[in-house]
Amino acid sequence: TAKDYAKDLVKTFESADCLAALPIPGREEYLSALDEAVRSTVRGDRAAIEALITTAGRWREISERLGVEKQKTALRRSLGLDPFPSPSDKR
């Protein structure tokens, strides 16, 4: 079952639609971190929960390095939404 799941994930991540579903700077880094978690779990190197916790930490590091607000703005724009107002815009 794990191998079938991994094959399905590979198909999903190879799809052009998948990459468009994460239209933010650094998406390759995020997906790479997730890919490593899946591989290590399928190989039996780590439990799934351990791999996901590690991935969450890596995603936080990526987001902090790239700028969380910039990531939010990029995602909102990709969804056709206005960016969040800056704190100085609130009155």
PDB file of N, CA and C in Angstrom:
ATOM      1  N   THR A   1       0.821  -1.189   0.000  1.00  0.00           N
ATOM      2  CA  THR A   1       0.000   0.000   0.000  1.00  0.00           C
ATOM      3  C   THR A   1       0.865   1.251   0.000  1.00  0.00           C
ATOM      4  N   ALA A   2       1.943   1.253   0.778  1.00  0.00           N
ATOM      5  CA  ALA A   2       2.827   2.425   0.840  1.00  0.00           C
ATOM      6  C   ALA A   2       3.465   2.682  -0.522  1.00  0.00           C
ATOM      7  N   LYS A   3       3.839   1.622  -1.207  1.00  0.00           N
ATOM      8  CA  LYS A   3       4.460   1.795  -2.522  1.00  0.00           C
ATOM      9  C   LYS A   3       3.461   2.372  -3.516  1.00  0.00           C
ATOM     10  N   ASP A   4       2.229   1.912  -3.469  1.00  0.00           N
ATOM     11  CA  ASP A   4       1.192   2.464  -4.348  1.00  0.00           C
ATOM     12  C   ASP A   4       0.959   3.940  -4.036  1.00  0.00           C
ATOM     13  N   TYR A   5       0.947   4.274  -2.750  1.00  0.00           N
ATOM     14  CA  TYR A   5       0.765   5.663  -2.327  1.00  0.00           C
ATOM     15  C   TYR A   5       1.914   6.521  -2.855  1.00  0.00           C
ATOM     16  N   ALA A   6       3.121   6.008  -2.715  1.00  0.00           N
ATOM     17  CA  ALA A   6       4.297   6.751  -3.195  1.00  0.00           C
ATOM     18  C   ALA A   6       4.225   6.958  -4.704  1.00  0.00           C
ATOM     19  N   LYS A   7       3.811   5.947  -5.433  1.00  0.00           N
ATOM     20  CA  LYS A   7       3.679   6.076  -6.893  1.00  0.00           C
ATOM     21  C   LYS A   7       2.650   7.142  -7.249  1.00  0.00           C
ATOM     22  N   ASP A   8       1.552   7.152  -6.505  1.00  0.00           N
ATOM     23  CA  ASP A   8       0.516   8.166  -6.757  1.00  0.00           C
ATOM     24  C   ASP A   8       1.038   9.570  -6.447  1.00  0.00           C
ATOM     25  N   LEU A   9       1.833   9.691  -5.381  1.00  0.00           N
ATOM     26  CA  LEU A   9       2.422  10.994  -5.057  1.00  0.00           C
ATOM     27  C   LEU A   9       3.361  11.458  -6.160  1.00  0.00           C
ATOM     28  N   VAL A  10       4.155  10.541  -6.681  1.00  0.00           N
ATOM     29  CA  VAL A  10       5.074  10.890  -7.764  1.00  0.00           C
ATOM     30  C   VAL A  10       4.283  11.398  -8.957  1.00  0.00           C
ATOM     31  N   LYS A  11       3.216  10.710  -9.314  1.00  0.00           N
ATOM     32  CA  LYS A  11       2.374  11.158 -10.432  1.00  0.00           C
ATOM     33  C   LYS A  11       1.818  12.552 -10.165  1.00  0.00           C
ATOM     34  N   THR A  12       1.367  12.762  -8.950  1.00  0.00           N
ATOM     35  CA  THR A  12       0.798  14.060  -8.587  1.00  0.00           C
ATOM     36  C   THR A  12       1.838  15.160  -8.705  1.00  0.00           C
ATOM     37  N   PHE A  13       3.020  14.934  -8.133  1.00  0.00           N
ATOM     38  CA  PHE A  13       4.051  15.966  -8.128  1.00  0.00           C
ATOM     39  C   PHE A  13       4.671  16.186  -9.503  1.00  0.00           C
ATOM     40  N   GLU A  14       4.570  15.192 -10.382  1.00  0.00           N
ATOM     41  CA  GLU A  14       5.079  15.367 -11.743  1.00  0.00           C
ATOM     42  C   GLU A  14       4.112  16.180 -12.599  1.00  0.00           C
ATOM     43  N   SER A  15       2.891  16.297 -12.151  1.00  0.00           N
ATOM     44  CA  SER A  15       1.873  17.027 -12.886  1.00  0.00           C
ATOM     45  C   SER A  15       2.149  18.529 -12.850  1.00  0.00           C
ATOM     46  N   ALA A  16       2.000  19.168 -13.997  1.00  0.00           N
ATOM     47  CA  ALA A  16       2.166  20.624 -14.062  1.00  0.00           C
ATOM     48  C   ALA A  16       1.139  21.317 -13.171  1.00  0.00           C
ATOM     49  N   ASP A  17      -0.029  20.718 -13.014  1.00  0.00           N
ATOM     50  CA  ASP A  17      -1.065  21.304 -12.159  1.00  0.00           C
ATOM     51  C   ASP A  17      -0.632  21.361 -10.705  1.00  0.00           C
ATOM     52  N   CYS A  18       0.139  20.383 -10.271  1.00  0.00           N
ATOM     53  CA  CYS A  18       0.586  20.354  -8.878  1.00  0.00           C
ATOM     54  C   CYS A  18       1.502  21.529  -8.582  1.00  0.00           C
ATOM     55  N   LEU A  19       2.444  21.790  -9.452  1.00  0.00           N
ATOM     56  CA  LEU A  19       3.353  22.902  -9.226  1.00  0.00           C
ATOM     57  C   LEU A  19       2.616  24.222  -9.249  1.00  0.00           C
ATOM     58  N   ALA A  20       1.608  24.319 -10.085  1.00  0.00           N
ATOM     59  CA  ALA A  20       0.819  25.548 -10.127  1.00  0.00           C
ATOM     60  C   ALA A  20      -0.016  25.698  -8.857  1.00  0.00           C
ATOM     61  N   ALA A  21      -0.265  24.581  -8.168  1.00  0.00           N
ATOM     62  CA  ALA A  21      -1.075  24.624  -6.958  1.00  0.00           C
ATOM     63  C   ALA A  21      -0.307  25.225  -5.778  1.00  0.00           C
ATOM     64  N   LEU A  22       0.994  25.387  -5.929  1.00  0.00           N
ATOM     65  CA  LEU A  22       1.797  26.006  -4.890  1.00  0.00           C
ATOM     66  C   LEU A  22       2.578  27.148  -5.531  1.00  0.00           C
ATOM     67  N   PRO A  23       1.865  28.200  -5.918  1.00  0.00           N
ATOM     68  CA  PRO A  23       2.478  29.285  -6.702  1.00  0.00           C
ATOM     69  C   PRO A  23       3.174  30.334  -5.841  1.00  0.00           C
ATOM     70  N   ILE A  24       4.152  29.888  -5.072  1.00  0.00           N
ATOM     71  CA  ILE A  24       4.875  30.815  -4.215  1.00  0.00           C
ATOM     72  C   ILE A  24       6.370  30.647  -4.424  1.00  0.00           C
ATOM     73  N   PRO A  25       7.132  31.667  -4.108  1.00  0.00           N
ATOM     74  CA  PRO A  25       8.584  31.532  -4.197  1.00  0.00           C
ATOM     75  C   PRO A  25       9.056  30.372  -3.311  1.00  0.00           C
ATOM     76  N   GLY A  26      10.014  29.629  -3.793  1.00  0.00           N
ATOM     77  CA  GLY A  26      10.570  28.525  -3.019  1.00  0.00           C
ATOM     78  C   GLY A  26       9.796  27.232  -3.116  1.00  0.00           C
ATOM     79  N   ARG A  27       8.823  27.173  -4.012  1.00  0.00           N
ATOM     80  CA  ARG A  27       7.987  25.969  -4.067  1.00  0.00           C
ATOM     81  C   ARG A  27       8.799  24.706  -4.286  1.00  0.00           C
ATOM     82  N   GLU A  28       9.896  24.807  -5.046  1.00  0.00           N
ATOM     83  CA  GLU A  28      10.724  23.630  -5.277  1.00  0.00           C
ATOM     84  C   GLU A  28      11.344  23.142  -3.968  1.00  0.00           C
ATOM     85  N   GLU A  29      11.723  24.086  -3.114  1.00  0.00           N
ATOM     86  CA  GLU A  29      12.292  23.713  -1.810  1.00  0.00           C
ATOM     87  C   GLU A  29      11.253  23.041  -0.922  1.00  0.00           C
ATOM     88  N   TYR A  30      10.040  23.585  -0.909  1.00  0.00           N
ATOM     89  CA  TYR A  30       8.968  22.987  -0.111  1.00  0.00           C
ATOM     90  C   TYR A  30       8.676  21.564  -0.589  1.00  0.00           C
ATOM     91  N   LEU A  31       8.539  21.424  -1.899  1.00  0.00           N
ATOM     92  CA  LEU A  31       8.218  20.107  -2.449  1.00  0.00           C
ATOM     93  C   LEU A  31       9.364  19.127  -2.250  1.00  0.00           C
ATOM     94  N   SER A  32      10.587  19.589  -2.325  1.00  0.00           N
ATOM     95  CA  SER A  32      11.742  18.729  -2.097  1.00  0.00           C
ATOM     96  C   SER A  32      11.759  18.210  -0.662  1.00  0.00           C
ATOM     97  N   ALA A  33      11.453  19.078   0.282  1.00  0.00           N
ATOM     98  CA  ALA A  33      11.406  18.663   1.686  1.00  0.00           C
ATOM     99  C   ALA A  33      10.320  17.613   1.900  1.00  0.00           C
ATOM    100  N   LEU A  34       9.172  17.819   1.287  1.00  0.00           N
ATOM    101  CA  LEU A  34       8.085  16.853   1.399  1.00  0.00           C
ATOM    102  C   LEU A  34       8.450  15.542   0.719  1.00  0.00           C
ATOM    103  N   ASP A  35       9.082  15.634  -0.438  1.00  0.00           N
ATOM    104  CA  ASP A  35       9.499  14.447  -1.174  1.00  0.00           C
ATOM    105  C   ASP A  35      10.457  13.599  -0.338  1.00  0.00           C
ATOM    106  N   GLU A  36      11.405  14.244   0.313  1.00  0.00           N
ATOM    107  CA  GLU A  36      12.356  13.517   1.158  1.00  0.00           C
ATOM    108  C   GLU A  36      11.631  12.826   2.308  1.00  0.00           C
ATOM    109  N   ALA A  37      10.643  13.478   2.885  1.00  0.00           N
ATOM    110  CA  ALA A  37       9.872  12.870   3.971  1.00  0.00           C
ATOM    111  C   ALA A  37       9.151  11.616   3.490  1.00  0.00           C
ATOM    112  N   VAL A  38       8.534  11.707   2.331  1.00  0.00           N
ATOM    113  CA  VAL A  38       7.808  10.551   1.790  1.00  0.00           C
ATOM    114  C   VAL A  38       8.782   9.409   1.507  1.00  0.00           C
ATOM    115  N   ARG A  39       9.895   9.742   0.864  1.00  0.00           N
ATOM    116  CA  ARG A  39      10.873   8.694   0.541  1.00  0.00           C
ATOM    117  C   ARG A  39      11.409   8.010   1.800  1.00  0.00           C
ATOM    118  N   SER A  40      11.761   8.800   2.800  1.00  0.00           N
ATOM    119  CA  SER A  40      12.322   8.200   4.011  1.00  0.00           C
ATOM    120  C   SER A  40      11.298   7.322   4.719  1.00  0.00           C
ATOM    121  N   THR A  41      10.031   7.699   4.633  1.00  0.00           N
ATOM    122  CA  THR A  41       8.977   6.893   5.248  1.00  0.00           C
ATOM    123  C   THR A  41       8.752   5.603   4.463  1.00  0.00           C
ATOM    124  N   VAL A  42       8.710   5.712   3.161  1.00  0.00           N
ATOM    125  CA  VAL A  42       8.492   4.521   2.327  1.00  0.00           C
ATOM    126  C   VAL A  42       9.655   3.537   2.477  1.00  0.00           C
ATOM    127  N   ARG A  43      10.877   4.068   2.596  1.00  0.00           N
ATOM    128  CA  ARG A  43      12.054   3.202   2.791  1.00  0.00           C
ATOM    129  C   ARG A  43      12.056   2.570   4.179  1.00  0.00           C
ATOM    130  N   GLY A  44      11.271   3.098   5.074  1.00  0.00           N
ATOM    131  CA  GLY A  44      11.237   2.588   6.432  1.00  0.00           C
ATOM    132  C   GLY A  44      12.288   3.205   7.329  1.00  0.00           C
ATOM    133  N   ASP A  45      12.910   4.303   6.886  1.00  0.00           N
ATOM    134  CA  ASP A  45      13.940   4.970   7.684  1.00  0.00           C
ATOM    135  C   ASP A  45      13.352   5.731   8.869  1.00  0.00           C
ATOM    136  N   ARG A  46      12.139   6.250   8.694  1.00  0.00           N
ATOM    137  CA  ARG A  46      11.491   7.042   9.744  1.00  0.00           C
ATOM    138  C   ARG A  46      10.002   6.754   9.745  1.00  0.00           C
ATOM    139  N   ALA A  47       9.416   6.952  10.908  1.00  0.00           N
ATOM    140  CA  ALA A  47       7.958   6.864  11.000  1.00  0.00           C
ATOM    141  C   ALA A  47       7.368   8.078  10.291  1.00  0.00           C
ATOM    142  N   ALA A  48       6.167   7.925   9.762  1.00  0.00           N
ATOM    143  CA  ALA A  48       5.523   9.003   9.015  1.00  0.00           C
ATOM    144  C   ALA A  48       5.395  10.274   9.856  1.00  0.00           C
ATOM    145  N   ILE A  49       5.021  10.140  11.111  1.00  0.00           N
ATOM    146  CA  ILE A  49       4.842  11.324  11.959  1.00  0.00           C
ATOM    147  C   ILE A  49       6.168  12.045  12.164  1.00  0.00           C
ATOM    148  N   GLU A  50       7.245  11.299  12.333  1.00  0.00           N
ATOM    149  CA  GLU A  50       8.571  11.917  12.493  1.00  0.00           C
ATOM    150  C   GLU A  50       8.964  12.667  11.219  1.00  0.00           C
ATOM    151  N   ALA A  51       8.713  12.043  10.070  1.00  0.00           N
ATOM    152  CA  ALA A  51       9.040  12.679   8.789  1.00  0.00           C
ATOM    153  C   ALA A  51       8.232  13.959   8.591  1.00  0.00           C
ATOM    154  N   LEU A  52       6.960  13.939   8.972  1.00  0.00           N
ATOM    155  CA  LEU A  52       6.118  15.128   8.819  1.00  0.00           C
ATOM    156  C   LEU A  52       6.534  16.244   9.771  1.00  0.00           C
ATOM    157  N   ILE A  53       6.923  15.884  10.978  1.00  0.00           N
ATOM    158  CA  ILE A  53       7.388  16.904  11.925  1.00  0.00           C
ATOM    159  C   ILE A  53       8.659  17.557  11.399  1.00  0.00           C
ATOM    160  N   THR A  54       9.569  16.749  10.874  1.00  0.00           N
ATOM    161  CA  THR A  54      10.798  17.286  10.287  1.00  0.00           C
ATOM    162  C   THR A  54      10.478  18.196   9.113  1.00  0.00           C
ATOM    163  N   THR A  55       9.554  17.765   8.259  1.00  0.00           N
ATOM    164  CA  THR A  55       9.165  18.559   7.100  1.00  0.00           C
ATOM    165  C   THR A  55       8.548  19.885   7.528  1.00  0.00           C
ATOM    166  N   ALA A  56       7.712  19.859   8.535  1.00  0.00           N
ATOM    167  CA  ALA A  56       7.103  21.101   9.032  1.00  0.00           C
ATOM    168  C   ALA A  56       8.181  22.075   9.482  1.00  0.00           C
ATOM    169  N   GLY A  57       9.201  21.571  10.160  1.00  0.00           N
ATOM    170  CA  GLY A  57      10.299  22.428  10.586  1.00  0.00           C
ATOM    171  C   GLY A  57      11.062  23.012   9.404  1.00  0.00           C
ATOM    172  N   ARG A  58      11.296  22.176   8.396  1.00  0.00           N
ATOM    173  CA  ARG A  58      11.991  22.668   7.203  1.00  0.00           C
ATOM    174  C   ARG A  58      11.149  23.712   6.487  1.00  0.00           C
ATOM    175  N   TRP A  59       9.839  23.498   6.422  1.00  0.00           N
ATOM    176  CA  TRP A  59       8.957  24.471   5.761  1.00  0.00           C
ATOM    177  C   TRP A  59       8.981  25.799   6.516  1.00  0.00           C
ATOM    178  N   ARG A  60       8.984  25.743   7.853  1.00  0.00           N
ATOM    179  CA  ARG A  60       9.055  26.988   8.634  1.00  0.00           C
ATOM    180  C   ARG A  60      10.356  27.723   8.340  1.00  0.00           C
ATOM    181  N   GLU A  61      11.463  26.975   8.279  1.00  0.00           N
ATOM    182  CA  GLU A  61      12.760  27.593   7.975  1.00  0.00           C
ATOM    183  C   GLU A  61      12.750  28.259   6.598  1.00  0.00           C
ATOM    184  N   ILE A  62      12.198  27.563   5.607  1.00  0.00           N
ATOM    185  CA  ILE A  62      12.120  28.114   4.248  1.00  0.00           C
ATOM    186  C   ILE A  62      11.278  29.385   4.258  1.00  0.00           C
ATOM    187  N   SER A  63      10.127  29.322   4.906  1.00  0.00           N
ATOM    188  CA  SER A  63       9.216  30.476   4.953  1.00  0.00           C
ATOM    189  C   SER A  63       9.865  31.669   5.643  1.00  0.00           C
ATOM    190  N   GLU A  64      10.548  31.415   6.743  1.00  0.00           N
ATOM    191  CA  GLU A  64      11.200  32.510   7.464  1.00  0.00           C
ATOM    192  C   GLU A  64      12.312  33.125   6.619  1.00  0.00           C
ATOM    193  N   ARG A  65      13.073  32.284   5.929  1.00  0.00           N
ATOM    194  CA  ARG A  65      14.173  32.798   5.103  1.00  0.00           C
ATOM    195  C   ARG A  65      13.646  33.623   3.936  1.00  0.00           C
ATOM    196  N   LEU A  66      12.561  33.156   3.318  1.00  0.00           N
ATOM    197  CA  LEU A  66      12.009  33.851   2.152  1.00  0.00           C
ATOM    198  C   LEU A  66      11.083  35.000   2.531  1.00  0.00           C
ATOM    199  N   GLY A  67      10.583  34.980   3.745  1.00  0.00           N
ATOM    200  CA  GLY A  67       9.674  36.029   4.206  1.00  0.00           C
ATOM    201  C   GLY A  67       8.229  35.565   4.176  1.00  0.00           C
ATOM    202  N   VAL A  68       7.676  35.370   5.340  1.00  0.00           N
ATOM    203  CA  VAL A  68       6.307  34.867   5.453  1.00  0.00           C
ATOM    204  C   VAL A  68       5.312  35.799   4.776  1.00  0.00           C
ATOM    205  N   GLU A  69       5.463  37.093   4.988  1.00  0.00           N
ATOM    206  CA  GLU A  69       4.519  38.047   4.387  1.00  0.00           C
ATOM    207  C   GLU A  69       4.603  38.016   2.862  1.00  0.00           C
ATOM    208  N   LYS A  70       5.813  37.881   2.334  1.00  0.00           N
ATOM    209  CA  LYS A  70       5.968  37.780   0.879  1.00  0.00           C
ATOM    210  C   LYS A  70       5.288  36.518   0.355  1.00  0.00           C
ATOM    211  N   GLN A  71       5.395  35.429   1.107  1.00  0.00           N
ATOM    212  CA  GLN A  71       4.756  34.175   0.705  1.00  0.00           C
ATOM    213  C   GLN A  71       3.225  34.342   0.699  1.00  0.00           C
ATOM    214  N   LYS A  72       2.708  34.955   1.730  1.00  0.00           N
ATOM    215  CA  LYS A  72       1.255  35.174   1.808  1.00  0.00           C
ATOM    216  C   LYS A  72       0.773  36.043   0.649  1.00  0.00           C
ATOM    217  N   THR A  73       1.513  37.084   0.367  1.00  0.00           N
ATOM    218  CA  THR A  73       1.135  37.989  -0.721  1.00  0.00           C
ATOM    219  C   THR A  73       1.154  37.270  -2.060  1.00  0.00           C
ATOM    220  N   ALA A  74       2.196  36.469  -2.303  1.00  0.00           N
ATOM    221  CA  ALA A  74       2.291  35.723  -3.566  1.00  0.00           C
ATOM    222  C   ALA A  74       1.123  34.755  -3.714  1.00  0.00           C
ATOM    223  N   LEU A  75       0.781  34.071  -2.641  1.00  0.00           N
ATOM    224  CA  LEU A  75      -0.341  33.132  -2.694  1.00  0.00           C
ATOM    225  C   LEU A  75      -1.646  33.862  -2.944  1.00  0.00           C
ATOM    226  N   ARG A  76      -1.887  34.952  -2.249  1.00  0.00           N
ATOM    227  CA  ARG A  76      -3.134  35.714  -2.441  1.00  0.00           C
ATOM    228  C   ARG A  76      -3.239  36.221  -3.878  1.00  0.00           C
ATOM    229  N   ARG A  77      -2.139  36.735  -4.423  1.00  0.00           N
ATOM    230  CA  ARG A  77      -2.158  37.209  -5.814  1.00  0.00           C
ATOM    231  C   ARG A  77      -2.466  36.075  -6.773  1.00  0.00           C
ATOM    232  N   SER A  78      -1.884  34.885  -6.523  1.00  0.00           N
ATOM    233  CA  SER A  78      -2.127  33.744  -7.409  1.00  0.00           C
ATOM    234  C   SER A  78      -3.589  33.316  -7.384  1.00  0.00           C
ATOM    235  N   LEU A  79      -4.264  33.604  -6.289  1.00  0.00           N
ATOM    236  CA  LEU A  79      -5.678  33.264  -6.152  1.00  0.00           C
ATOM    237  C   LEU A  79      -6.594  34.386  -6.640  1.00  0.00           C
ATOM    238  N   GLY A  80      -5.973  35.457  -7.130  1.00  0.00           N
ATOM    239  CA  GLY A  80      -6.760  36.580  -7.624  1.00  0.00           C
ATOM    240  C   GLY A  80      -7.299  37.462  -6.519  1.00  0.00           C
ATOM    241  N   LEU A  81      -6.698  37.381  -5.335  1.00  0.00           N
ATOM    242  CA  LEU A  81      -7.142  38.188  -4.203  1.00  0.00           C
ATOM    243  C   LEU A  81      -6.210  39.378  -4.026  1.00  0.00           C
ATOM    244  N   ASP A  82      -6.725  40.420  -3.415  1.00  0.00           N
ATOM    245  CA  ASP A  82      -5.886  41.573  -3.099  1.00  0.00           C
ATOM    246  C   ASP A  82      -4.896  41.172  -2.016  1.00  0.00           C
ATOM    247  N   PRO A  83      -3.728  41.779  -2.029  1.00  0.00           N
ATOM    248  CA  PRO A  83      -2.788  41.515  -0.936  1.00  0.00           C
ATOM    249  C   PRO A  83      -3.372  41.990   0.386  1.00  0.00           C
ATOM    250  N   PHE A  84      -2.860  41.452   1.475  1.00  0.00           N
ATOM    251  CA  PHE A  84      -3.269  41.918   2.792  1.00  0.00           C
ATOM    252  C   PHE A  84      -2.888  43.372   2.928  1.00  0.00           C
ATOM    253  N   PRO A  85      -3.723  44.182   3.582  1.00  0.00           N
ATOM    254  CA  PRO A  85      -3.342  45.582   3.801  1.00  0.00           C
ATOM    255  C   PRO A  85      -2.161  45.647   4.767  1.00  0.00           C
ATOM    256  N   SER A  86      -1.301  46.612   4.563  1.00  0.00           N
ATOM    257  CA  SER A  86      -0.182  46.773   5.480  1.00  0.00           C
ATOM    258  C   SER A  86      -0.706  47.375   6.771  1.00  0.00           C
ATOM    259  N   PRO A  87       0.036  47.218   7.884  1.00  0.00           N
ATOM    260  CA  PRO A  87      -0.437  47.775   9.159  1.00  0.00           C
ATOM    261  C   PRO A  87      -0.709  49.271   9.085  1.00  0.00           C
ATOM    262  N   SER A  88       0.033  49.997   8.240  1.00  0.00           N
ATOM    263  CA  SER A  88      -0.186  51.446   8.137  1.00  0.00           C
ATOM    264  C   SER A  88      -1.467  51.793   7.395  1.00  0.00           C
ATOM    265  N   ASP A  89      -2.024  50.818   6.647  1.00  0.00           N
ATOM    266  CA  ASP A  89      -3.285  51.039   5.928  1.00  0.00           C
ATOM    267  C   ASP A  89      -4.507  50.931   6.814  1.00  0.00           C
ATOM    268  N   LYS A  90      -4.347  50.304   7.992  1.00  0.00           N
ATOM    269  CA  LYS A  90      -5.487  50.099   8.893  1.00  0.00           C
ATOM    270  C   LYS A  90      -5.733  51.374   9.684  1.00  0.00           C
ATOM    271  N   ARG A  91      -6.963  51.847   9.617  1.00  0.00           N
ATOM    272  CA  ARG A  91      -7.329  53.073  10.345  1.00  0.00           C
ATOM    273  C   ARG A  91      -8.674  52.940  10.973  1.00  0.00           C
TER     274      ARG A  91
END
